[in-house]
PDB file of N, CA and C in Angstrom:
ATOM      1  N   UNK A   1     150.472 277.522-150.611  1.00  0.00           N
ATOM      2  CA  UNK A   1     149.675 276.657-149.699  1.00  0.00           C
ATOM      3  C   UNK A   1     149.849 275.400-150.181  1.00  0.00           C
ATOM      4  N   UNK A   2     149.435 274.576-148.926  1.00  0.00           N
ATOM      5  CA  UNK A   2     149.611 273.198-148.672  1.00  0.00           C
ATOM      6  C   UNK A   2     148.148 272.520-149.088  1.00  0.00           C
ATOM      7  N   UNK A   3     148.052 271.319-149.063  1.00  0.00           N
ATOM      8  CA  UNK A   3     146.809 270.551-149.315  1.00  0.00           C
ATOM      9  C   UNK A   3     145.786 271.014-148.554  1.00  0.00           C
ATOM     10  N   UNK A   4     145.992 270.978-147.069  1.00  0.00           N
ATOM     11  CA  UNK A   4     144.815 271.255-146.453  1.00  0.00           C
ATOM     12  C   UNK A   4     144.080 272.686-146.505  1.00  0.00           C
ATOM     13  N   UNK A   5     145.167 273.642-146.944  1.00  0.00           N
ATOM     14  CA  UNK A   5     144.852 274.826-146.789  1.00  0.00           C
ATOM     15  C   UNK A   5     144.215 275.240-148.276  1.00  0.00           C
ATOM     16  N   UNK A   6     144.365 274.548-149.152  1.00  0.00           N
ATOM     17  CA  UNK A   6     143.725 274.577-150.293  1.00  0.00           C
ATOM     18  C   UNK A   6     142.644 273.884-150.294  1.00  0.00           C
ATOM     19  N   UNK A   7     141.912 273.000-149.921  1.00  0.00           N
ATOM     20  CA  UNK A   7     140.986 272.382-149.498  1.00  0.00           C
ATOM     21  C   UNK A   7     140.184 273.286-148.506  1.00  0.00           C
ATOM     22  N   UNK A   8     140.588 273.953-147.611  1.00  0.00           N
ATOM     23  CA  UNK A   8     139.982 275.096-146.886  1.00  0.00           C
ATOM     24  C   UNK A   8     139.019 276.214-147.369  1.00  0.00           C
ATOM     25  N   UNK A   9     140.214 276.530-148.241  1.00  0.00           N
ATOM     26  CA  UNK A   9     139.442 277.885-149.613  1.00  0.00           C
ATOM     27  C   UNK A   9     138.612 277.060-150.658  1.00  0.00           C
ATOM     28  N   UNK A  10     138.582 275.694-150.828  1.00  0.00           N
ATOM     29  CA  UNK A  10     137.431 275.327-151.737  1.00  0.00           C
ATOM     30  C   UNK A  10     136.277 275.320-151.007  1.00  0.00           C
ATOM     31  N   UNK A  11     136.213 274.950-149.852  1.00  0.00           N
ATOM     32  CA  UNK A  11     134.936 275.024-148.637  1.00  0.00           C
ATOM     33  C   UNK A  11     134.536 276.327-148.717  1.00  0.00           C
ATOM     34  N   UNK A  12     135.173 276.883-148.615  1.00  0.00           N
ATOM     35  CA  UNK A  12     134.882 278.931-148.222  1.00  0.00           C
ATOM     36  C   UNK A  12     134.355 279.227-150.039  1.00  0.00           C
ATOM     37  N   UNK A  13     134.519 278.829-150.703  1.00  0.00           N
ATOM     38  CA  UNK A  13     134.120 279.191-151.993  1.00  0.00           C
ATOM     39  C   UNK A  13     132.474 278.987-152.089  1.00  0.00           C
ATOM     40  N   UNK A  14     132.182 277.797-151.382  1.00  0.00           N
ATOM     41  CA  UNK A  14     130.438 277.181-151.365  1.00  0.00           C
ATOM     42  C   UNK A  14     130.512 277.967-149.573  1.00  0.00           C
ATOM     43  N   UNK A  15     130.892 278.200-148.921  1.00  0.00           N
ATOM     44  CA  UNK A  15     130.056 278.240-147.635  1.00  0.00           C
ATOM     45  C   UNK A  15     131.139 279.550-146.840  1.00  0.00           C
ATOM     46  N   UNK A  16     130.951 280.454-147.312  1.00  0.00           N
ATOM     47  CA  UNK A  16     131.715 282.066-147.215  1.00  0.00           C
ATOM     48  C   UNK A  16     132.159 282.316-145.723  1.00  0.00           C
ATOM     49  N   UNK A  17     131.348 281.808-145.074  1.00  0.00           N
ATOM     50  CA  UNK A  17     131.485 282.414-143.800  1.00  0.00           C
ATOM     51  C   UNK A  17     132.166 281.659-142.622  1.00  0.00           C
ATOM     52  N   UNK A  18     132.842 280.179-143.599  1.00  0.00           N
ATOM     53  CA  UNK A  18     133.194 279.224-142.674  1.00  0.00           C
ATOM     54  C   UNK A  18     134.498 279.892-142.132  1.00  0.00           C
ATOM     55  N   UNK A  19     134.915 279.313-140.666  1.00  0.00           N
ATOM     56  CA  UNK A  19     135.584 279.708-139.802  1.00  0.00           C
ATOM     57  C   UNK A  19     136.422 278.475-139.661  1.00  0.00           C
ATOM     58  N   UNK A  20     137.888 278.461-139.923  1.00  0.00           N
ATOM     59  CA  UNK A  20     138.793 277.403-139.708  1.00  0.00           C
ATOM     60  C   UNK A  20     139.915 278.020-138.585  1.00  0.00           C
ATOM     61  N   UNK A  21     139.472 276.886-137.674  1.00  0.00           N
ATOM     62  CA  UNK A  21     139.983 277.148-136.190  1.00  0.00           C
ATOM     63  C   UNK A  21     140.968 275.585-136.197  1.00  0.00           C
ATOM     64  N   UNK A  22     141.903 275.318-136.941  1.00  0.00           N
ATOM     65  CA  UNK A  22     143.042 273.955-137.353  1.00  0.00           C
ATOM     66  C   UNK A  22     142.965 272.900-135.849  1.00  0.00           C
ATOM     67  N   UNK A  23     142.401 271.716-135.915  1.00  0.00           N
ATOM     68  CA  UNK A  23     142.155 271.380-136.631  1.00  0.00           C
ATOM     69  C   UNK A  23     140.663 271.292-137.304  1.00  0.00           C
ATOM     70  N   UNK A  24     140.032 271.980-136.657  1.00  0.00           N
ATOM     71  CA  UNK A  24     138.003 272.412-136.704  1.00  0.00           C
ATOM     72  C   UNK A  24     137.889 273.227-137.913  1.00  0.00           C
ATOM     73  N   UNK A  25     136.746 272.726-138.483  1.00  0.00           N
ATOM     74  CA  UNK A  25     136.082 273.634-139.320  1.00  0.00           C
ATOM     75  C   UNK A  25     134.652 273.823-138.818  1.00  0.00           C
ATOM     76  N   UNK A  26     134.356 275.355-138.872  1.00  0.00           N
ATOM     77  CA  UNK A  26     132.967 275.706-138.715  1.00  0.00           C
ATOM     78  C   UNK A  26     132.344 276.178-139.859  1.00  0.00           C
ATOM     79  N   UNK A  27     131.017 275.678-140.027  1.00  0.00           N
ATOM     80  CA  UNK A  27     130.143 276.286-141.150  1.00  0.00           C
ATOM     81  C   UNK A  27     129.377 276.740-140.460  1.00  0.00           C
ATOM     82  N   UNK A  28     129.046 278.427-140.326  1.00  0.00           N
ATOM     83  CA  UNK A  28     127.771 278.668-139.623  1.00  0.00           C
ATOM     84  C   UNK A  28     126.087 278.541-139.840  1.00  0.00           C
ATOM     85  N   UNK A  29     126.205 278.322-141.062  1.00  0.00           N
ATOM     86  CA  UNK A  29     124.938 278.592-141.875  1.00  0.00           C
ATOM     87  C   UNK A  29     124.865 277.035-143.109  1.00  0.00           C
ATOM     88  N   UNK A  30     124.828 276.127-142.642  1.00  0.00           N
ATOM     89  CA  UNK A  30     124.616 274.877-143.103  1.00  0.00           C
ATOM     90  C   UNK A  30     123.406 274.811-143.483  1.00  0.00           C
ATOM     91  N   UNK A  31     122.851 274.731-144.628  1.00  0.00           N
ATOM     92  CA  UNK A  31     121.381 274.341-144.863  1.00  0.00           C
ATOM     93  C   UNK A  31     120.858 273.226-144.493  1.00  0.00           C
ATOM     94  N   UNK A  32     119.877 272.930-143.880  1.00  0.00           N
ATOM     95  CA  UNK A  32     119.089 271.471-143.171  1.00  0.00           C
ATOM     96  C   UNK A  32     118.353 271.136-144.596  1.00  0.00           C
ATOM     97  N   UNK A  33     118.027 270.115-144.664  1.00  0.00           N
ATOM     98  CA  UNK A  33     117.013 269.462-145.488  1.00  0.00           C
ATOM     99  C   UNK A  33     115.554 269.894-144.789  1.00  0.00           C
ATOM    100  N   UNK A  34     114.812 269.618-145.737  1.00  0.00           N
ATOM    101  CA  UNK A  34     113.140 269.663-145.138  1.00  0.00           C
ATOM    102  C   UNK A  34     112.473 268.644-144.943  1.00  0.00           C
ATOM    103  N   UNK A  35     113.047 268.164-143.604  1.00  0.00           N
ATOM    104  CA  UNK A  35     112.436 266.923-143.297  1.00  0.00           C
ATOM    105  C   UNK A  35     111.844 266.839-142.044  1.00  0.00           C
ATOM    106  N   UNK A  36     111.513 268.400-141.255  1.00  0.00           N
ATOM    107  CA  UNK A  36     111.070 268.565-140.027  1.00  0.00           C
ATOM    108  C   UNK A  36     111.935 268.990-138.783  1.00  0.00           C
ATOM    109  N   UNK A  37     112.872 269.697-139.155  1.00  0.00           N
ATOM    110  CA  UNK A  37     113.732 270.150-138.494  1.00  0.00           C
ATOM    111  C   UNK A  37     113.656 271.353-137.564  1.00  0.00           C
ATOM    112  N   UNK A  38     112.645 272.292-138.045  1.00  0.00           N
ATOM    113  CA  UNK A  38     112.040 273.487-137.548  1.00  0.00           C
ATOM    114  C   UNK A  38     112.804 274.469-137.988  1.00  0.00           C
ATOM    115  N   UNK A  39     114.172 274.437-138.941  1.00  0.00           N
ATOM    116  CA  UNK A  39     114.880 275.357-138.949  1.00  0.00           C
ATOM    117  C   UNK A  39     115.186 275.131-140.211  1.00  0.00           C
ATOM    118  N   UNK A  40     115.869 276.228-141.083  1.00  0.00           N
ATOM    119  CA  UNK A  40     116.035 276.347-142.451  1.00  0.00           C
ATOM    120  C   UNK A  40     117.973 275.954-142.461  1.00  0.00           C
ATOM    121  N   UNK A  41     118.508 276.544-141.695  1.00  0.00           N
ATOM    122  CA  UNK A  41     120.130 276.178-141.334  1.00  0.00           C
ATOM    123  C   UNK A  41     120.709 275.980-139.911  1.00  0.00           C
ATOM    124  N   UNK A  42     121.885 275.756-139.713  1.00  0.00           N
ATOM    125  CA  UNK A  42     122.124 275.450-138.679  1.00  0.00           C
ATOM    126  C   UNK A  42     123.616 275.645-138.309  1.00  0.00           C
ATOM    127  N   UNK A  43     124.529 275.915-137.334  1.00  0.00           N
ATOM    128  CA  UNK A  43     126.080 275.612-137.664  1.00  0.00           C
ATOM    129  C   UNK A  43     126.787 274.141-137.777  1.00  0.00           C
ATOM    130  N   UNK A  44     127.327 273.775-138.639  1.00  0.00           N
ATOM    131  CA  UNK A  44     128.098 272.506-138.560  1.00  0.00           C
ATOM    132  C   UNK A  44     129.796 272.661-138.087  1.00  0.00           C
ATOM    133  N   UNK A  45     129.949 271.694-137.367  1.00  0.00           N
ATOM    134  CA  UNK A  45     131.438 271.782-137.295  1.00  0.00           C
ATOM    135  C   UNK A  45     132.378 270.517-137.548  1.00  0.00           C
ATOM    136  N   UNK A  46     133.157 270.264-137.797  1.00  0.00           N
ATOM    137  CA  UNK A  46     133.915 269.068-138.008  1.00  0.00           C
ATOM    138  C   UNK A  46     135.246 268.971-137.829  1.00  0.00           C
ATOM    139  N   UNK A  47     135.863 268.011-137.454  1.00  0.00           N
ATOM    140  CA  UNK A  47     137.311 267.552-136.997  1.00  0.00           C
ATOM    141  C   UNK A  47     138.052 267.252-138.197  1.00  0.00           C
ATOM    142  N   UNK A  48     139.023 267.941-138.381  1.00  0.00           N
ATOM    143  CA  UNK A  48     140.023 267.111-139.703  1.00  0.00           C
ATOM    144  C   UNK A  48     141.023 266.379-138.847  1.00  0.00           C
ATOM    145  N   UNK A  49     141.218 264.956-138.993  1.00  0.00           N
ATOM    146  CA  UNK A  49     142.156 264.399-138.479  1.00  0.00           C
ATOM    147  C   UNK A  49     143.399 264.852-139.031  1.00  0.00           C
ATOM    148  N   UNK A  50     144.108 264.072-137.887  1.00  0.00           N
ATOM    149  CA  UNK A  50     145.768 264.478-138.368  1.00  0.00           C
ATOM    150  C   UNK A  50     146.315 264.047-139.249  1.00  0.00           C
ATOM    151  N   UNK A  51     145.841 262.352-139.664  1.00  0.00           N
ATOM    152  CA  UNK A  51     146.505 262.139-141.084  1.00  0.00           C
ATOM    153  C   UNK A  51     145.575 262.210-142.089  1.00  0.00           C
ATOM    154  N   UNK A  52     144.808 263.473-142.163  1.00  0.00           N
ATOM    155  CA  UNK A  52     144.145 263.546-143.401  1.00  0.00           C
ATOM    156  C   UNK A  52     144.926 264.150-144.480  1.00  0.00           C
ATOM    157  N   UNK A  53     145.140 263.766-145.630  1.00  0.00           N
ATOM    158  CA  UNK A  53     143.967 263.119-146.096  1.00  0.00           C
ATOM    159  C   UNK A  53     143.538 261.358-146.320  1.00  0.00           C
ATOM    160  N   UNK A  54     144.808 260.902-146.159  1.00  0.00           N
ATOM    161  CA  UNK A  54     144.824 259.138-146.117  1.00  0.00           C
ATOM    162  C   UNK A  54     143.833 259.117-144.693  1.00  0.00           C
ATOM    163  N   UNK A  55     143.824 259.446-143.790  1.00  0.00           N
ATOM    164  CA  UNK A  55     143.012 259.236-142.841  1.00  0.00           C
ATOM    165  C   UNK A  55     141.473 260.473-142.873  1.00  0.00           C
ATOM    166  N   UNK A  56     140.464 259.300-143.228  1.00  0.00           N
ATOM    167  CA  UNK A  56     138.826 260.022-143.554  1.00  0.00           C
ATOM    168  C   UNK A  56     138.446 260.714-142.341  1.00  0.00           C
ATOM    169  N   UNK A  57     137.719 261.915-142.724  1.00  0.00           N
ATOM    170  CA  UNK A  57     137.124 262.271-141.384  1.00  0.00           C
ATOM    171  C   UNK A  57     135.807 261.722-141.085  1.00  0.00           C
ATOM    172  N   UNK A  58     135.812 262.000-139.719  1.00  0.00           N
ATOM    173  CA  UNK A  58     134.591 261.038-139.214  1.00  0.00           C
ATOM    174  C   UNK A  58     133.375 261.720-138.464  1.00  0.00           C
ATOM    175  N   UNK A  59     132.339 261.795-138.138  1.00  0.00           N
ATOM    176  CA  UNK A  59     131.148 262.693-137.674  1.00  0.00           C
ATOM    177  C   UNK A  59     131.532 263.955-138.140  1.00  0.00           C
ATOM    178  N   UNK A  60     129.997 264.897-137.770  1.00  0.00           N
ATOM    179  CA  UNK A  60     129.902 266.336-137.688  1.00  0.00           C
ATOM    180  C   UNK A  60     129.117 266.210-136.626  1.00  0.00           C
ATOM    181  N   UNK A  61     129.174 267.640-135.861  1.00  0.00           N
ATOM    182  CA  UNK A  61     128.274 267.987-134.794  1.00  0.00           C
ATOM    183  C   UNK A  61     127.358 269.696-135.447  1.00  0.00           C
ATOM    184  N   UNK A  62     126.450 269.071-135.073  1.00  0.00           N
ATOM    185  CA  UNK A  62     125.499 270.402-135.407  1.00  0.00           C
ATOM    186  C   UNK A  62     124.874 271.378-134.122  1.00  0.00           C
ATOM    187  N   UNK A  63     124.740 272.696-134.446  1.00  0.00           N
ATOM    188  CA  UNK A  63     124.395 273.547-133.246  1.00  0.00           C
ATOM    189  C   UNK A  63     123.163 274.364-133.786  1.00  0.00           C
ATOM    190  N   UNK A  64     122.428 274.901-133.377  1.00  0.00           N
ATOM    191  CA  UNK A  64     121.663 274.348-131.852  1.00  0.00           C
ATOM    192  C   UNK A  64     121.567 272.919-131.959  1.00  0.00           C
ATOM    193  N   UNK A  65     121.241 272.576-130.501  1.00  0.00           N
ATOM    194  CA  UNK A  65     121.052 270.875-130.774  1.00  0.00           C
ATOM    195  C   UNK A  65     119.749 271.014-131.745  1.00  0.00           C
ATOM    196  N   UNK A  66     119.708 269.522-132.384  1.00  0.00           N
ATOM    197  CA  UNK A  66     118.451 269.813-133.363  1.00  0.00           C
ATOM    198  C   UNK A  66     117.328 268.670-132.866  1.00  0.00           C
ATOM    199  N   UNK A  67     116.083 268.929-133.716  1.00  0.00           N
ATOM    200  CA  UNK A  67     114.952 267.732-133.268  1.00  0.00           C
ATOM    201  C   UNK A  67     114.122 267.862-134.558  1.00  0.00           C
ATOM    202  N   UNK A  68     113.783 266.233-134.836  1.00  0.00           N
ATOM    203  CA  UNK A  68     112.836 266.573-135.798  1.00  0.00           C
ATOM    204  C   UNK A  68     111.391 266.378-135.649  1.00  0.00           C
ATOM    205  N   UNK A  69     110.623 267.236-135.367  1.00  0.00           N
ATOM    206  CA  UNK A  69     109.123 267.260-135.097  1.00  0.00           C
ATOM    207  C   UNK A  69     109.204 267.164-133.287  1.00  0.00           C
ATOM    208  N   UNK A  70     110.085 267.810-132.946  1.00  0.00           N
ATOM    209  CA  UNK A  70     110.470 267.943-131.196  1.00  0.00           C
ATOM    210  C   UNK A  70     111.063 266.726-130.994  1.00  0.00           C
ATOM    211  N   UNK A  71     111.756 265.738-131.555  1.00  0.00           N
ATOM    212  CA  UNK A  71     111.969 264.726-131.063  1.00  0.00           C
ATOM    213  C   UNK A  71     113.792 264.782-131.504  1.00  0.00           C
ATOM    214  N   UNK A  72     114.514 264.954-130.409  1.00  0.00           N
ATOM    215  CA  UNK A  72     116.376 264.296-130.670  1.00  0.00           C
ATOM    216  C   UNK A  72     116.595 263.083-131.217  1.00  0.00           C
ATOM    217  N   UNK A  73     117.288 263.055-132.290  1.00  0.00           N
ATOM    218  CA  UNK A  73     117.273 261.949-133.255  1.00  0.00           C
ATOM    219  C   UNK A  73     118.229 260.961-131.890  1.00  0.00           C
ATOM    220  N   UNK A  74     117.847 259.526-132.010  1.00  0.00           N
ATOM    221  CA  UNK A  74     118.450 258.904-131.218  1.00  0.00           C
ATOM    222  C   UNK A  74     119.581 258.476-130.879  1.00  0.00           C
ATOM    223  N   UNK A  75     120.447 258.409-132.469  1.00  0.00           N
ATOM    224  CA  UNK A  75     121.523 258.097-132.565  1.00  0.00           C
ATOM    225  C   UNK A  75     122.930 259.273-133.028  1.00  0.00           C
ATOM    226  N   UNK A  76     122.185 260.172-132.211  1.00  0.00           N
ATOM    227  CA  UNK A  76     122.679 261.440-132.125  1.00  0.00           C
ATOM    228  C   UNK A  76     123.144 261.737-130.530  1.00  0.00           C
ATOM    229  N   UNK A  77     124.295 262.476-130.229  1.00  0.00           N
ATOM    230  CA  UNK A  77     124.530 262.266-128.720  1.00  0.00           C
ATOM    231  C   UNK A  77     125.279 264.297-128.454  1.00  0.00           C
ATOM    232  N   UNK A  78     124.929 264.187-127.400  1.00  0.00           N
ATOM    233  CA  UNK A  78     125.340 265.751-127.035  1.00  0.00           C
ATOM    234  C   UNK A  78     127.026 265.742-126.962  1.00  0.00           C
ATOM    235  N   UNK A  79     127.305 266.657-127.452  1.00  0.00           N
ATOM    236  CA  UNK A  79     129.130 266.935-127.341  1.00  0.00           C
ATOM    237  C   UNK A  79     129.463 268.590-126.669  1.00  0.00           C
ATOM    238  N   UNK A  80     130.433 268.414-126.597  1.00  0.00           N
ATOM    239  CA  UNK A  80     131.402 269.451-126.001  1.00  0.00           C
ATOM    240  C   UNK A  80     132.925 269.408-126.756  1.00  0.00           C
ATOM    241  N   UNK A  81     133.062 268.535-127.807  1.00  0.00           N
ATOM    242  CA  UNK A  81     133.862 268.795-128.659  1.00  0.00           C
ATOM    243  C   UNK A  81     134.593 269.836-129.447  1.00  0.00           C
ATOM    244  N   UNK A  82     133.482 270.539-129.953  1.00  0.00           N
ATOM    245  CA  UNK A  82     133.907 271.197-130.844  1.00  0.00           C
ATOM    246  C   UNK A  82     134.256 272.942-130.180  1.00  0.00           C
ATOM    247  N   UNK A  83     135.804 273.488-130.710  1.00  0.00           N
ATOM    248  CA  UNK A  83     135.733 274.547-129.873  1.00  0.00           C
ATOM    249  C   UNK A  83     135.263 275.805-130.031  1.00  0.00           C
ATOM    250  N   UNK A  84     133.913 275.659-130.488  1.00  0.00           N
ATOM    251  CA  UNK A  84     133.461 277.021-131.098  1.00  0.00           C
ATOM    252  C   UNK A  84     132.179 277.155-129.825  1.00  0.00           C
ATOM    253  N   UNK A  85     131.393 278.023-129.554  1.00  0.00           N
ATOM    254  CA  UNK A  85     130.619 278.467-128.626  1.00  0.00           C
ATOM    255  C   UNK A  85     129.051 277.453-129.236  1.00  0.00           C
ATOM    256  N   UNK A  86     128.421 277.286-128.279  1.00  0.00           N
ATOM    257  CA  UNK A  86     127.194 276.812-128.307  1.00  0.00           C
ATOM    258  C   UNK A  86     126.589 275.526-127.983  1.00  0.00           C
ATOM    259  N   UNK A  87     125.693 275.150-127.749  1.00  0.00           N
ATOM    260  CA  UNK A  87     125.281 273.669-127.510  1.00  0.00           C
ATOM    261  C   UNK A  87     125.787 272.700-128.562  1.00  0.00           C
ATOM    262  N   UNK A  88     126.102 271.587-128.664  1.00  0.00           N
ATOM    263  CA  UNK A  88     126.448 270.639-129.893  1.00  0.00           C
ATOM    264  C   UNK A  88     125.705 269.014-129.635  1.00  0.00           C
ATOM    265  N   UNK A  89     125.377 268.642-130.861  1.00  0.00           N
ATOM    266  CA  UNK A  89     124.877 267.819-131.196  1.00  0.00           C
ATOM    267  C   UNK A  89     125.900 266.659-132.085  1.00  0.00           C
ATOM    268  N   UNK A  90     126.525 265.551-131.530  1.00  0.00           N
ATOM    269  CA  UNK A  90     127.232 264.885-132.441  1.00  0.00           C
ATOM    270  C   UNK A  90     126.533 263.869-133.539  1.00  0.00           C
ATOM    271  N   UNK A  91     126.374 263.570-134.517  1.00  0.00           N
ATOM    272  CA  UNK A  91     125.817 263.286-135.799  1.00  0.00           C
ATOM    273  C   UNK A  91     127.005 261.730-136.069  1.00  0.00           C
ATOM    274  N   UNK A  92     126.974 260.780-136.008  1.00  0.00           N
ATOM    275  CA  UNK A  92     128.107 259.647-136.260  1.00  0.00           C
ATOM    276  C   UNK A  92     128.106 259.636-137.520  1.00  0.00           C
ATOM    277  N   UNK A  93     128.955 259.889-138.740  1.00  0.00           N
ATOM    278  CA  UNK A  93     128.595 260.143-140.040  1.00  0.00           C
ATOM    279  C   UNK A  93     130.263 259.070-140.683  1.00  0.00           C
ATOM    280  N   UNK A  94     129.956 258.243-141.565  1.00  0.00           N
ATOM    281  CA  UNK A  94     131.019 258.067-142.391  1.00  0.00           C
ATOM    282  C   UNK A  94     130.755 257.839-143.629  1.00  0.00           C
ATOM    283  N   UNK A  95     131.958 258.934-144.475  1.00  0.00           N
ATOM    284  CA  UNK A  95     132.182 258.675-146.180  1.00  0.00           C
ATOM    285  C   UNK A  95     131.674 257.400-146.270  1.00  0.00           C
ATOM    286  N   UNK A  96     130.732 257.149-147.660  1.00  0.00           N
ATOM    287  CA  UNK A  96     130.323 255.779-148.072  1.00  0.00           C
ATOM    288  C   UNK A  96     131.396 255.636-148.794  1.00  0.00           C
ATOM    289  N   UNK A  97     131.999 256.077-149.592  1.00  0.00           N
ATOM    290  CA  UNK A  97     133.384 256.103-150.290  1.00  0.00           C
ATOM    291  C   UNK A  97     134.587 257.151-150.204  1.00  0.00           C
ATOM    292  N   UNK A  98     135.612 256.345-149.736  1.00  0.00           N
ATOM    293  CA  UNK A  98     136.664 257.618-149.454  1.00  0.00           C
ATOM    294  C   UNK A  98     137.710 257.332-150.425  1.00  0.00           C
ATOM    295  N   UNK A  99     138.371 258.124-151.214  1.00  0.00           N
ATOM    296  CA  UNK A  99     139.374 257.882-152.063  1.00  0.00           C
ATOM    297  C   UNK A  99     140.115 259.024-152.591  1.00  0.00           C
ATOM    298  N   UNK A 100     140.617 259.902-151.416  1.00  0.00           N
ATOM    299  CA  UNK A 100     141.390 261.133-151.768  1.00  0.00           C
ATOM    300  C   UNK A 100     142.559 260.742-152.936  1.00  0.00           C
ATOM    301  N   UNK A 101     142.520 261.733-153.694  1.00  0.00           N
ATOM    302  CA  UNK A 101     143.588 261.577-154.807  1.00  0.00           C
ATOM    303  C   UNK A 101     144.445 262.319-154.739  1.00  0.00           C
ATOM    304  N   UNK A 102     145.817 262.227-155.246  1.00  0.00           N
ATOM    305  CA  UNK A 102     146.838 263.367-155.086  1.00  0.00           C
ATOM    306  C   UNK A 102     146.382 264.396-155.429  1.00  0.00           C
ATOM    307  N   UNK A 103     145.198 264.928-156.456  1.00  0.00           N
ATOM    308  CA  UNK A 103     144.593 265.888-157.057  1.00  0.00           C
ATOM    309  C   UNK A 103     143.748 266.424-155.930  1.00  0.00           C
ATOM    310  N   UNK A 104     143.531 267.752-155.156  1.00  0.00           N
ATOM    311  CA  UNK A 104     142.183 267.692-154.834  1.00  0.00           C
ATOM    312  C   UNK A 104     140.772 267.226-155.356  1.00  0.00           C
ATOM    313  N   UNK A 105     140.821 267.939-156.629  1.00  0.00           N
ATOM    314  CA  UNK A 105     139.746 267.701-157.596  1.00  0.00           C
ATOM    315  C   UNK A 105     139.297 266.422-158.094  1.00  0.00           C
ATOM    316  N   UNK A 106     140.587 265.361-157.824  1.00  0.00           N
ATOM    317  CA  UNK A 106     140.241 263.971-158.684  1.00  0.00           C
ATOM    318  C   UNK A 106     139.590 262.912-157.606  1.00  0.00           C
ATOM    319  N   UNK A 107     139.330 263.575-156.524  1.00  0.00           N
ATOM    320  CA  UNK A 107     138.756 262.130-155.590  1.00  0.00           C
ATOM    321  C   UNK A 107     137.974 263.057-154.431  1.00  0.00           C
ATOM    322  N   UNK A 108     137.902 262.316-153.303  1.00  0.00           N
ATOM    323  CA  UNK A 108     137.324 262.839-152.185  1.00  0.00           C
ATOM    324  C   UNK A 108     137.919 264.217-151.564  1.00  0.00           C
ATOM    325  N   UNK A 109     137.392 264.961-150.951  1.00  0.00           N
ATOM    326  CA  UNK A 109     137.823 266.385-150.396  1.00  0.00           C
ATOM    327  C   UNK A 109     136.726 266.918-149.340  1.00  0.00           C
ATOM    328  N   UNK A 110     137.328 267.657-148.602  1.00  0.00           N
ATOM    329  CA  UNK A 110     136.732 268.396-147.257  1.00  0.00           C
ATOM    330  C   UNK A 110     135.206 268.823-148.091  1.00  0.00           C
ATOM    331  N   UNK A 111     135.313 269.733-149.121  1.00  0.00           N
ATOM    332  CA  UNK A 111     133.815 270.001-149.551  1.00  0.00           C
ATOM    333  C   UNK A 111     132.861 268.515-149.973  1.00  0.00           C
ATOM    334  N   UNK A 112     133.382 267.912-150.694  1.00  0.00           N
ATOM    335  CA  UNK A 112     132.451 266.618-150.589  1.00  0.00           C
ATOM    336  C   UNK A 112     131.909 266.053-149.383  1.00  0.00           C
ATOM    337  N   UNK A 113     133.179 265.965-148.276  1.00  0.00           N
ATOM    338  CA  UNK A 113     132.705 265.389-146.877  1.00  0.00           C
ATOM    339  C   UNK A 113     131.464 266.359-146.690  1.00  0.00           C
ATOM    340  N   UNK A 114     131.375 267.777-146.372  1.00  0.00           N
ATOM    341  CA  UNK A 114     130.544 268.693-145.924  1.00  0.00           C
ATOM    342  C   UNK A 114     129.477 268.673-146.346  1.00  0.00           C
ATOM    343  N   UNK A 115     129.363 268.465-147.827  1.00  0.00           N
ATOM    344  CA  UNK A 115     128.162 268.596-148.473  1.00  0.00           C
ATOM    345  C   UNK A 115     127.420 266.629-148.144  1.00  0.00           C
ATOM    346  N   UNK A 116     128.027 265.877-147.786  1.00  0.00           N
ATOM    347  CA  UNK A 116     127.651 264.563-147.658  1.00  0.00           C
ATOM    348  C   UNK A 116     126.440 264.512-146.332  1.00  0.00           C
ATOM    349  N   UNK A 117     126.745 265.775-145.577  1.00  0.00           N
ATOM    350  CA  UNK A 117     126.002 265.912-144.237  1.00  0.00           C
ATOM    351  C   UNK A 117     124.621 265.859-144.756  1.00  0.00           C
ATOM    352  N   UNK A 118     124.181 266.646-145.563  1.00  0.00           N
ATOM    353  CA  UNK A 118     122.813 266.317-146.164  1.00  0.00           C
ATOM    354  C   UNK A 118     122.405 264.738-145.904  1.00  0.00           C
ATOM    355  N   UNK A 119     122.765 264.157-146.497  1.00  0.00           N
ATOM    356  CA  UNK A 119     122.404 263.029-146.687  1.00  0.00           C
ATOM    357  C   UNK A 119     122.287 262.069-145.634  1.00  0.00           C
ATOM    358  N   UNK A 120     122.830 262.588-144.345  1.00  0.00           N
ATOM    359  CA  UNK A 120     122.940 262.155-142.988  1.00  0.00           C
ATOM    360  C   UNK A 120     121.741 262.826-142.211  1.00  0.00           C
ATOM    361  N   UNK A 121     121.528 264.192-142.510  1.00  0.00           N
ATOM    362  CA  UNK A 121     120.515 264.583-142.177  1.00  0.00           C
ATOM    363  C   UNK A 121     119.122 264.448-142.632  1.00  0.00           C
ATOM    364  N   UNK A 122     119.028 263.779-144.073  1.00  0.00           N
ATOM    365  CA  UNK A 122     117.919 263.368-144.588  1.00  0.00           C
ATOM    366  C   UNK A 122     117.339 261.991-143.978  1.00  0.00           C
ATOM    367  N   UNK A 123     118.123 261.427-143.072  1.00  0.00           N
ATOM    368  CA  UNK A 123     117.698 259.975-142.498  1.00  0.00           C
ATOM    369  C   UNK A 123     116.316 259.944-141.657  1.00  0.00           C
ATOM    370  N   UNK A 124     116.302 261.328-141.384  1.00  0.00           N
ATOM    371  CA  UNK A 124     115.314 261.359-140.200  1.00  0.00           C
ATOM    372  C   UNK A 124     113.839 262.032-140.820  1.00  0.00           C
ATOM    373  N   UNK A 125     113.432 261.641-142.306  1.00  0.00           N
ATOM    374  CA  UNK A 125     112.576 262.253-143.318  1.00  0.00           C
ATOM    375  C   UNK A 125     111.665 261.142-142.585  1.00  0.00           C
TER     376      UNK A 125
END
């Protein structure tokens, strides 16, 4: 297997229901932080860029369209990008540090990227 396939398997070890529809990843039951979203989890999708891992991923999508205490986040936008069913909201998000090493476990990877969405979703507390 190549690096991308290996990373998808590592993601799957944490999110067993994951769907990989190259170049998209769907995590159908991503846990949400308790900041007033009104849900315990949602679907999350993200695009793996063509130049990965040298080119880092950017942004992620959530479905259903999320709102905190009834208000949709002002800096997230409706999106039709993901090739998965449902209404999607795109969150801008950039990895604070991206340093993908030759060894998947020694630097940035897709699992750390997906886990970092929690930080972005906490911004609405």
